[in-house]
N, C-alpha and C. Protein backbone atom coordinates (compact mmCIF):
# COMPACT_ATOMS: atom_id res chain seq x y z
N MET A 1 35.94 -81.55 -50.85
CA MET A 1 36.56 -81.95 -52.10
C MET A 1 38.03 -81.55 -52.05
N THR A 2 38.89 -82.47 -52.35
CA THR A 2 40.32 -82.20 -52.30
C THR A 2 40.78 -81.60 -53.62
N ASP A 3 41.89 -80.91 -53.53
CA ASP A 3 42.46 -80.26 -54.72
C ASP A 3 43.04 -81.33 -55.63
N THR A 4 42.75 -81.25 -56.91
CA THR A 4 43.23 -82.25 -57.87
C THR A 4 44.62 -81.91 -58.41
N MET A 5 45.13 -80.74 -58.06
CA MET A 5 46.46 -80.33 -58.52
C MET A 5 47.48 -80.49 -57.42
N THR A 6 48.71 -80.69 -57.83
CA THR A 6 49.79 -80.71 -56.87
C THR A 6 50.04 -79.27 -56.41
N PRO A 7 50.71 -79.09 -55.28
CA PRO A 7 51.01 -77.72 -54.83
C PRO A 7 51.77 -76.91 -55.88
N GLU A 8 52.67 -77.56 -56.62
CA GLU A 8 53.43 -76.85 -57.65
C GLU A 8 52.52 -76.41 -58.79
N GLN A 9 51.60 -77.30 -59.21
CA GLN A 9 50.67 -76.95 -60.27
C GLN A 9 49.73 -75.83 -59.83
N ARG A 10 49.25 -75.92 -58.60
CA ARG A 10 48.35 -74.88 -58.09
C ARG A 10 49.08 -73.54 -58.01
N SER A 11 50.33 -73.55 -57.58
CA SER A 11 51.12 -72.34 -57.49
C SER A 11 51.28 -71.71 -58.88
N ARG A 12 51.59 -72.53 -59.88
CA ARG A 12 51.74 -72.04 -61.24
C ARG A 12 50.43 -71.46 -61.76
N CYS A 13 49.34 -72.14 -61.46
CA CYS A 13 48.02 -71.69 -61.89
C CYS A 13 47.67 -70.34 -61.26
N MET A 14 47.88 -70.19 -59.97
CA MET A 14 47.54 -68.94 -59.28
C MET A 14 48.50 -67.82 -59.70
N ALA A 15 49.74 -68.14 -60.02
CA ALA A 15 50.69 -67.13 -60.46
C ALA A 15 50.30 -66.56 -61.82
N ALA A 16 49.53 -67.32 -62.59
CA ALA A 16 49.12 -66.87 -63.91
C ALA A 16 47.94 -65.90 -63.87
N VAL A 17 47.30 -65.75 -62.71
CA VAL A 17 46.18 -64.81 -62.58
C VAL A 17 46.73 -63.40 -62.68
N LYS A 18 46.16 -62.63 -63.63
CA LYS A 18 46.67 -61.29 -63.90
C LYS A 18 46.18 -60.30 -62.85
N GLY A 19 47.04 -59.37 -62.50
CA GLY A 19 46.67 -58.32 -61.55
C GLY A 19 46.43 -56.99 -62.24
N LYS A 20 46.91 -56.87 -63.48
CA LYS A 20 46.68 -55.65 -64.24
C LYS A 20 46.50 -56.02 -65.70
N ASP A 21 45.99 -55.05 -66.47
CA ASP A 21 45.68 -55.27 -67.88
C ASP A 21 44.69 -56.42 -68.09
N THR A 22 43.72 -56.51 -67.20
CA THR A 22 42.68 -57.53 -67.34
C THR A 22 41.69 -57.09 -68.42
N ARG A 23 40.88 -58.01 -68.88
CA ARG A 23 39.93 -57.70 -69.95
C ARG A 23 38.96 -56.58 -69.54
N PRO A 24 38.35 -56.62 -68.33
CA PRO A 24 37.46 -55.52 -67.95
C PRO A 24 38.18 -54.18 -67.89
N GLU A 25 39.42 -54.16 -67.42
CA GLU A 25 40.21 -52.93 -67.37
C GLU A 25 40.41 -52.36 -68.76
N ILE A 26 40.77 -53.23 -69.69
CA ILE A 26 41.04 -52.80 -71.06
C ILE A 26 39.76 -52.27 -71.71
N LEU A 27 38.62 -52.89 -71.41
CA LEU A 27 37.35 -52.38 -71.94
C LEU A 27 37.08 -50.95 -71.47
N VAL A 28 37.33 -50.69 -70.21
CA VAL A 28 37.12 -49.34 -69.67
C VAL A 28 38.12 -48.37 -70.30
N ARG A 29 39.37 -48.77 -70.39
CA ARG A 29 40.39 -47.89 -70.95
C ARG A 29 40.10 -47.55 -72.41
N ARG A 30 39.70 -48.54 -73.20
CA ARG A 30 39.38 -48.28 -74.62
C ARG A 30 38.22 -47.30 -74.75
N PHE A 31 37.20 -47.49 -73.92
CA PHE A 31 36.05 -46.60 -73.96
C PHE A 31 36.46 -45.17 -73.65
N LEU A 32 37.24 -44.99 -72.60
CA LEU A 32 37.67 -43.65 -72.22
C LEU A 32 38.57 -43.02 -73.29
N TRP A 33 39.44 -43.82 -73.88
CA TRP A 33 40.34 -43.32 -74.91
C TRP A 33 39.55 -42.85 -76.13
N LYS A 34 38.54 -43.63 -76.53
CA LYS A 34 37.70 -43.25 -77.68
C LYS A 34 36.93 -41.97 -77.40
N ARG A 35 36.64 -41.70 -76.14
CA ARG A 35 35.93 -40.49 -75.76
C ARG A 35 36.87 -39.30 -75.61
N GLY A 36 38.15 -39.50 -75.87
CA GLY A 36 39.11 -38.41 -75.83
C GLY A 36 39.75 -38.16 -74.48
N LEU A 37 39.52 -39.04 -73.51
CA LEU A 37 40.14 -38.88 -72.20
C LEU A 37 41.50 -39.55 -72.21
N ARG A 38 42.48 -38.85 -71.67
CA ARG A 38 43.83 -39.40 -71.59
C ARG A 38 44.14 -39.70 -70.13
N TYR A 39 44.88 -40.76 -69.91
CA TYR A 39 45.06 -41.27 -68.56
C TYR A 39 46.40 -41.97 -68.43
N ARG A 40 46.73 -42.31 -67.23
CA ARG A 40 47.88 -43.16 -66.91
C ARG A 40 47.33 -44.42 -66.25
N VAL A 41 48.08 -45.51 -66.34
CA VAL A 41 47.63 -46.76 -65.72
C VAL A 41 48.57 -47.16 -64.59
N ASN A 42 47.99 -47.74 -63.56
CA ASN A 42 48.72 -48.31 -62.43
C ASN A 42 49.77 -47.36 -61.85
N ASN A 43 49.34 -46.17 -61.47
CA ASN A 43 50.24 -45.18 -60.89
C ASN A 43 50.61 -45.61 -59.48
N ARG A 44 51.83 -46.05 -59.30
CA ARG A 44 52.28 -46.58 -58.01
C ARG A 44 52.54 -45.48 -56.98
N ARG A 45 52.50 -44.22 -57.39
CA ARG A 45 52.70 -43.13 -56.44
C ARG A 45 51.44 -42.83 -55.64
N LEU A 46 50.30 -43.31 -56.12
CA LEU A 46 49.04 -43.10 -55.41
C LEU A 46 48.68 -44.33 -54.60
N PRO A 47 47.99 -44.16 -53.49
CA PRO A 47 47.58 -45.31 -52.67
C PRO A 47 46.74 -46.29 -53.50
N GLY A 48 47.06 -47.57 -53.38
CA GLY A 48 46.30 -48.60 -54.06
C GLY A 48 46.68 -48.82 -55.51
N SER A 49 47.61 -48.03 -56.03
CA SER A 49 48.03 -48.13 -57.43
C SER A 49 46.82 -48.26 -58.36
N PRO A 50 46.04 -47.17 -58.51
CA PRO A 50 44.79 -47.24 -59.28
C PRO A 50 44.99 -47.76 -60.70
N ASP A 51 43.98 -48.48 -61.19
CA ASP A 51 44.04 -49.04 -62.54
C ASP A 51 44.12 -47.94 -63.59
N ILE A 52 43.35 -46.86 -63.39
CA ILE A 52 43.31 -45.74 -64.34
C ILE A 52 43.36 -44.44 -63.54
N VAL A 53 44.25 -43.53 -63.94
CA VAL A 53 44.37 -42.24 -63.28
C VAL A 53 44.17 -41.14 -64.32
N LEU A 54 43.15 -40.32 -64.08
CA LEU A 54 42.85 -39.17 -64.95
C LEU A 54 43.22 -37.91 -64.17
N LYS A 55 44.47 -37.49 -64.32
CA LYS A 55 44.99 -36.38 -63.53
C LYS A 55 44.23 -35.09 -63.79
N LYS A 56 43.88 -34.84 -65.04
CA LYS A 56 43.16 -33.62 -65.41
C LYS A 56 41.85 -33.48 -64.63
N TYR A 57 41.19 -34.60 -64.38
CA TYR A 57 39.91 -34.60 -63.69
C TYR A 57 40.03 -34.99 -62.22
N LYS A 58 41.27 -35.20 -61.77
CA LYS A 58 41.54 -35.60 -60.38
C LYS A 58 40.68 -36.81 -60.01
N THR A 59 40.66 -37.81 -60.90
CA THR A 59 39.82 -38.99 -60.75
C THR A 59 40.67 -40.25 -60.94
N VAL A 60 40.39 -41.25 -60.11
CA VAL A 60 41.01 -42.56 -60.27
C VAL A 60 39.91 -43.61 -60.42
N ILE A 61 40.22 -44.65 -61.18
CA ILE A 61 39.26 -45.73 -61.40
C ILE A 61 39.92 -47.05 -61.03
N PHE A 62 39.19 -47.85 -60.26
CA PHE A 62 39.59 -49.22 -59.96
C PHE A 62 38.58 -50.14 -60.61
N VAL A 63 39.06 -51.12 -61.36
CA VAL A 63 38.18 -52.15 -61.92
C VAL A 63 38.46 -53.41 -61.10
N ASP A 64 37.54 -53.72 -60.19
CA ASP A 64 37.74 -54.79 -59.22
C ASP A 64 37.17 -56.12 -59.71
N GLY A 65 37.97 -57.17 -59.55
CA GLY A 65 37.50 -58.52 -59.84
C GLY A 65 36.53 -58.96 -58.74
N CYS A 66 35.44 -59.56 -59.16
CA CYS A 66 34.39 -59.93 -58.20
C CYS A 66 34.89 -60.94 -57.16
N PHE A 67 35.69 -61.90 -57.57
CA PHE A 67 36.18 -62.89 -56.61
C PHE A 67 37.16 -62.25 -55.63
N TRP A 68 38.15 -61.55 -56.14
CA TRP A 68 39.24 -61.05 -55.31
C TRP A 68 38.80 -59.94 -54.37
N HIS A 69 37.72 -59.25 -54.70
CA HIS A 69 37.28 -58.13 -53.87
C HIS A 69 35.95 -58.39 -53.18
N GLY A 70 35.48 -59.65 -53.21
CA GLY A 70 34.33 -60.08 -52.41
C GLY A 70 33.00 -59.47 -52.81
N HIS A 71 32.64 -59.56 -54.07
CA HIS A 71 31.37 -59.01 -54.54
C HIS A 71 30.21 -59.93 -54.13
N GLU A 72 29.63 -59.61 -52.98
CA GLU A 72 28.54 -60.42 -52.42
C GLU A 72 27.37 -60.48 -53.38
N GLY A 73 26.80 -61.67 -53.53
CA GLY A 73 25.63 -61.85 -54.38
C GLY A 73 25.95 -62.00 -55.85
N CYS A 74 27.20 -61.96 -56.21
CA CYS A 74 27.61 -62.06 -57.61
C CYS A 74 27.89 -63.52 -57.96
N ARG A 75 27.57 -63.89 -59.19
CA ARG A 75 27.81 -65.26 -59.63
C ARG A 75 29.30 -65.58 -59.74
N LEU A 76 30.13 -64.55 -59.86
CA LEU A 76 31.57 -64.75 -59.98
C LEU A 76 32.28 -64.86 -58.64
N TYR A 77 31.54 -64.58 -57.56
CA TYR A 77 32.15 -64.64 -56.23
C TYR A 77 31.63 -65.85 -55.48
N LYS A 78 32.50 -66.82 -55.33
CA LYS A 78 32.16 -68.02 -54.56
C LYS A 78 33.45 -68.49 -53.89
N LEU A 79 33.39 -68.61 -52.57
CA LEU A 79 34.58 -69.07 -51.85
C LEU A 79 34.93 -70.50 -52.26
N PRO A 80 36.20 -70.78 -52.45
CA PRO A 80 36.61 -72.15 -52.75
C PRO A 80 36.25 -73.09 -51.59
N GLN A 81 36.01 -74.34 -51.91
CA GLN A 81 35.62 -75.30 -50.89
C GLN A 81 36.80 -75.81 -50.08
N SER A 82 38.00 -75.67 -50.63
CA SER A 82 39.18 -76.06 -49.86
C SER A 82 39.87 -74.80 -49.34
N ASN A 83 40.43 -74.92 -48.15
CA ASN A 83 41.17 -73.83 -47.53
C ASN A 83 40.29 -72.57 -47.38
N THR A 84 39.05 -72.78 -47.00
CA THR A 84 38.05 -71.71 -46.94
C THR A 84 38.46 -70.59 -45.99
N ASP A 85 39.00 -70.93 -44.84
CA ASP A 85 39.40 -69.90 -43.88
C ASP A 85 40.44 -68.95 -44.46
N PHE A 86 41.42 -69.52 -45.17
CA PHE A 86 42.46 -68.70 -45.81
C PHE A 86 41.83 -67.72 -46.79
N TRP A 87 40.95 -68.22 -47.67
CA TRP A 87 40.35 -67.38 -48.71
C TRP A 87 39.42 -66.33 -48.11
N ARG A 88 38.67 -66.71 -47.09
CA ARG A 88 37.77 -65.75 -46.44
C ARG A 88 38.59 -64.60 -45.85
N GLN A 89 39.67 -64.94 -45.16
CA GLN A 89 40.52 -63.91 -44.55
C GLN A 89 41.17 -63.04 -45.63
N LYS A 90 41.67 -63.66 -46.69
CA LYS A 90 42.33 -62.92 -47.76
C LYS A 90 41.37 -61.93 -48.40
N ILE A 91 40.16 -62.35 -48.68
CA ILE A 91 39.19 -61.48 -49.34
C ILE A 91 38.74 -60.37 -48.39
N HIS A 92 38.57 -60.68 -47.10
CA HIS A 92 38.21 -59.64 -46.14
C HIS A 92 39.32 -58.60 -46.00
N LEU A 93 40.56 -59.04 -46.06
CA LEU A 93 41.68 -58.09 -46.02
C LEU A 93 41.70 -57.22 -47.27
N ASN A 94 41.37 -57.81 -48.43
CA ASN A 94 41.28 -57.03 -49.66
C ASN A 94 40.20 -55.96 -49.56
N ILE A 95 39.04 -56.32 -49.00
CA ILE A 95 37.94 -55.37 -48.84
C ILE A 95 38.35 -54.24 -47.90
N ALA A 96 39.02 -54.59 -46.81
CA ALA A 96 39.48 -53.58 -45.85
C ALA A 96 40.50 -52.65 -46.51
N ARG A 97 41.40 -53.21 -47.30
CA ARG A 97 42.40 -52.40 -48.00
C ARG A 97 41.73 -51.46 -49.00
N ASP A 98 40.71 -51.96 -49.72
CA ASP A 98 39.97 -51.11 -50.67
C ASP A 98 39.37 -49.91 -49.95
N TYR A 99 38.78 -50.16 -48.79
CA TYR A 99 38.16 -49.08 -48.01
C TYR A 99 39.21 -48.05 -47.58
N ARG A 100 40.33 -48.55 -47.06
CA ARG A 100 41.41 -47.66 -46.62
C ARG A 100 41.95 -46.82 -47.78
N VAL A 101 42.13 -47.44 -48.94
CA VAL A 101 42.64 -46.74 -50.12
C VAL A 101 41.64 -45.66 -50.56
N ASN A 102 40.34 -45.99 -50.54
CA ASN A 102 39.31 -44.99 -50.88
C ASN A 102 39.42 -43.77 -49.98
N VAL A 103 39.54 -44.02 -48.69
CA VAL A 103 39.62 -42.92 -47.72
C VAL A 103 40.88 -42.08 -47.97
N GLU A 104 42.01 -42.74 -48.15
CA GLU A 104 43.27 -42.02 -48.37
C GLU A 104 43.20 -41.15 -49.63
N LEU A 105 42.67 -41.71 -50.71
CA LEU A 105 42.58 -40.96 -51.96
C LEU A 105 41.63 -39.78 -51.84
N ARG A 106 40.50 -39.99 -51.18
CA ARG A 106 39.55 -38.89 -51.00
C ARG A 106 40.15 -37.78 -50.15
N LEU A 107 40.91 -38.14 -49.14
CA LEU A 107 41.57 -37.13 -48.31
C LEU A 107 42.61 -36.34 -49.11
N MET A 108 43.15 -36.96 -50.15
CA MET A 108 44.11 -36.30 -51.02
C MET A 108 43.41 -35.46 -52.09
N GLY A 109 42.07 -35.53 -52.12
CA GLY A 109 41.32 -34.73 -53.07
C GLY A 109 40.93 -35.43 -54.36
N TRP A 110 41.13 -36.74 -54.44
CA TRP A 110 40.80 -37.50 -55.63
C TRP A 110 39.36 -37.99 -55.58
N LYS A 111 38.73 -38.04 -56.75
CA LYS A 111 37.43 -38.67 -56.91
C LYS A 111 37.72 -40.15 -57.21
N VAL A 112 37.06 -41.06 -56.50
CA VAL A 112 37.33 -42.49 -56.65
C VAL A 112 36.13 -43.17 -57.29
N ILE A 113 36.38 -43.91 -58.35
CA ILE A 113 35.34 -44.69 -59.01
C ILE A 113 35.77 -46.15 -58.96
N ARG A 114 34.89 -47.00 -58.44
CA ARG A 114 35.15 -48.43 -58.40
C ARG A 114 34.09 -49.15 -59.21
N VAL A 115 34.53 -50.04 -60.07
CA VAL A 115 33.64 -50.77 -60.96
C VAL A 115 33.86 -52.26 -60.78
N TRP A 116 32.77 -53.02 -60.72
CA TRP A 116 32.88 -54.48 -60.63
C TRP A 116 33.08 -55.06 -62.02
N GLU A 117 33.87 -56.11 -62.09
CA GLU A 117 34.12 -56.78 -63.36
C GLU A 117 32.83 -57.31 -63.98
N CYS A 118 31.87 -57.75 -63.16
CA CYS A 118 30.63 -58.34 -63.69
C CYS A 118 29.73 -57.28 -64.32
N GLU A 119 29.97 -56.01 -64.07
CA GLU A 119 29.18 -54.94 -64.69
C GLU A 119 29.75 -54.54 -66.04
N ILE A 120 31.02 -54.82 -66.26
CA ILE A 120 31.68 -54.43 -67.50
C ILE A 120 31.69 -55.57 -68.51
N THR A 121 31.79 -56.81 -68.03
CA THR A 121 31.94 -57.94 -68.92
C THR A 121 30.72 -58.20 -69.80
N PRO A 122 29.49 -58.26 -69.26
CA PRO A 122 28.36 -58.54 -70.17
C PRO A 122 28.03 -57.31 -71.03
N LYS A 123 27.76 -57.56 -72.29
CA LYS A 123 27.45 -56.46 -73.21
C LYS A 123 26.15 -55.75 -72.84
N SER A 124 25.27 -56.45 -72.14
CA SER A 124 23.96 -55.88 -71.83
C SER A 124 24.04 -54.65 -70.93
N THR A 125 24.99 -54.62 -70.00
CA THR A 125 25.10 -53.47 -69.08
C THR A 125 26.34 -52.62 -69.34
N ARG A 126 27.22 -53.08 -70.20
CA ARG A 126 28.51 -52.40 -70.38
C ARG A 126 28.38 -50.95 -70.80
N GLU A 127 27.63 -50.67 -71.85
CA GLU A 127 27.53 -49.30 -72.36
C GLU A 127 26.95 -48.34 -71.32
N THR A 128 25.92 -48.80 -70.61
CA THR A 128 25.31 -47.95 -69.60
C THR A 128 26.29 -47.62 -68.48
N VAL A 129 27.00 -48.62 -68.01
CA VAL A 129 27.97 -48.41 -66.92
C VAL A 129 29.11 -47.50 -67.41
N LEU A 130 29.60 -47.74 -68.61
CA LEU A 130 30.69 -46.92 -69.14
C LEU A 130 30.25 -45.47 -69.34
N GLU A 131 29.03 -45.27 -69.80
CA GLU A 131 28.50 -43.90 -69.95
C GLU A 131 28.43 -43.19 -68.60
N ARG A 132 27.98 -43.91 -67.58
CA ARG A 132 27.90 -43.31 -66.25
C ARG A 132 29.28 -42.95 -65.72
N ILE A 133 30.24 -43.81 -65.96
CA ILE A 133 31.61 -43.52 -65.54
C ILE A 133 32.10 -42.25 -66.24
N TYR A 134 31.92 -42.21 -67.55
CA TYR A 134 32.35 -41.04 -68.32
C TYR A 134 31.69 -39.76 -67.81
N ASN A 135 30.38 -39.80 -67.62
CA ASN A 135 29.66 -38.62 -67.15
C ASN A 135 30.12 -38.19 -65.76
N LYS A 136 30.42 -39.15 -64.90
CA LYS A 136 30.90 -38.81 -63.56
C LYS A 136 32.29 -38.17 -63.63
N ILE A 137 33.11 -38.65 -64.54
CA ILE A 137 34.47 -38.10 -64.69
C ILE A 137 34.41 -36.65 -65.13
N ILE A 138 33.65 -36.38 -66.18
CA ILE A 138 33.66 -35.02 -66.73
C ILE A 138 32.66 -34.10 -66.05
N GLY A 139 31.88 -34.63 -65.11
CA GLY A 139 31.01 -33.80 -64.30
C GLY A 139 29.64 -33.53 -64.89
N LEU A 140 29.20 -34.35 -65.84
CA LEU A 140 27.85 -34.19 -66.38
C LEU A 140 26.83 -34.72 -65.38
N PRO A 141 25.66 -34.11 -65.32
CA PRO A 141 24.63 -34.65 -64.42
C PRO A 141 24.16 -36.01 -64.92
N PRO A 142 23.75 -36.90 -64.00
CA PRO A 142 23.32 -38.23 -64.42
C PRO A 142 22.08 -38.16 -65.30
N ARG A 143 22.04 -39.04 -66.30
CA ARG A 143 20.89 -39.13 -67.18
C ARG A 143 20.04 -40.32 -66.78
N ASN A 144 18.84 -40.41 -67.30
CA ASN A 144 17.96 -41.52 -67.02
C ASN A 144 18.37 -42.71 -67.88
N TYR A 145 18.86 -43.76 -67.25
CA TYR A 145 19.30 -44.94 -67.96
C TYR A 145 18.33 -46.09 -67.74
N ASP A 146 18.54 -47.15 -68.51
CA ASP A 146 17.68 -48.32 -68.39
C ASP A 146 17.92 -49.06 -67.08
N ILE A 147 19.13 -48.97 -66.54
CA ILE A 147 19.45 -49.68 -65.30
C ILE A 147 19.08 -48.77 -64.13
N PRO A 148 18.24 -49.25 -63.21
CA PRO A 148 17.86 -48.41 -62.07
C PRO A 148 19.07 -48.08 -61.20
N ASP A 149 18.99 -46.92 -60.52
CA ASP A 149 20.08 -46.49 -59.65
C ASP A 149 20.36 -47.49 -58.55
N SER A 150 19.36 -48.28 -58.16
CA SER A 150 19.57 -49.25 -57.09
C SER A 150 20.55 -50.34 -57.52
N ASP A 151 20.71 -50.57 -58.83
CA ASP A 151 21.63 -51.59 -59.31
C ASP A 151 23.06 -51.08 -59.40
N ILE A 152 23.22 -49.78 -59.62
CA ILE A 152 24.55 -49.18 -59.68
C ILE A 152 24.57 -48.09 -58.63
N ASN A 153 25.33 -48.31 -57.58
CA ASN A 153 25.31 -47.40 -56.44
C ASN A 153 26.33 -46.30 -56.58
N ILE A 154 25.91 -45.09 -56.29
CA ILE A 154 26.84 -43.99 -56.15
C ILE A 154 26.96 -43.77 -54.66
N ALA A 155 28.10 -44.18 -54.10
CA ALA A 155 28.27 -44.25 -52.65
C ALA A 155 28.30 -42.87 -52.01
N ALA A 156 29.43 -42.26 -51.98
CA ALA A 156 29.57 -40.98 -51.28
C ALA A 156 29.55 -39.84 -52.29
N GLU A 157 29.56 -38.64 -51.80
CA GLU A 157 29.46 -37.47 -52.65
C GLU A 157 30.55 -37.42 -53.71
N ASP A 158 31.79 -37.68 -53.33
CA ASP A 158 32.90 -37.63 -54.26
C ASP A 158 33.37 -39.00 -54.71
N THR A 159 32.69 -40.05 -54.30
CA THR A 159 33.13 -41.38 -54.63
C THR A 159 32.02 -42.10 -55.38
N VAL A 160 32.36 -42.68 -56.50
CA VAL A 160 31.42 -43.51 -57.22
C VAL A 160 31.89 -44.94 -57.01
N ASP A 161 31.04 -45.76 -56.45
CA ASP A 161 31.39 -47.14 -56.15
C ASP A 161 30.35 -48.01 -56.84
N TYR A 162 30.68 -48.58 -57.97
CA TYR A 162 29.74 -49.38 -58.72
C TYR A 162 29.71 -50.79 -58.16
N ARG A 163 29.50 -50.88 -56.85
CA ARG A 163 29.46 -52.18 -56.19
C ARG A 163 28.08 -52.51 -55.78
């Protein structure tokens, strides 16, 4: 299937895609603010320019878009039918960069939390995921939630990766 837009229209369309202050990011930030946590956003001094930085808790949060960060098995992640090789390479480079940033931040002593946009957007799982994020930040032990642990993965000891 060929692209129905001219290159100029496509460029304008892709330029309008937001890289920060996305709806899922704002949902996480509002939740944390209501819980009394104070943070900074998009700290460019840290690797990867984390979406949310909680210096007091030495924790950073990334809210990753499912398409841009290659969320396998997600309804929001589907490679475009045109220019597939370009998109596949771009997304694989994004995944590799995410991994490198996680390692760099952990070596610096930061706790890294990564959340998929598809876990925050639907109201059905939002509260549970946000509660888990909050508990991980402040160091509370995990509670028994409705969502099984297999659906929300806690990757490494100091890293929470909701992928």
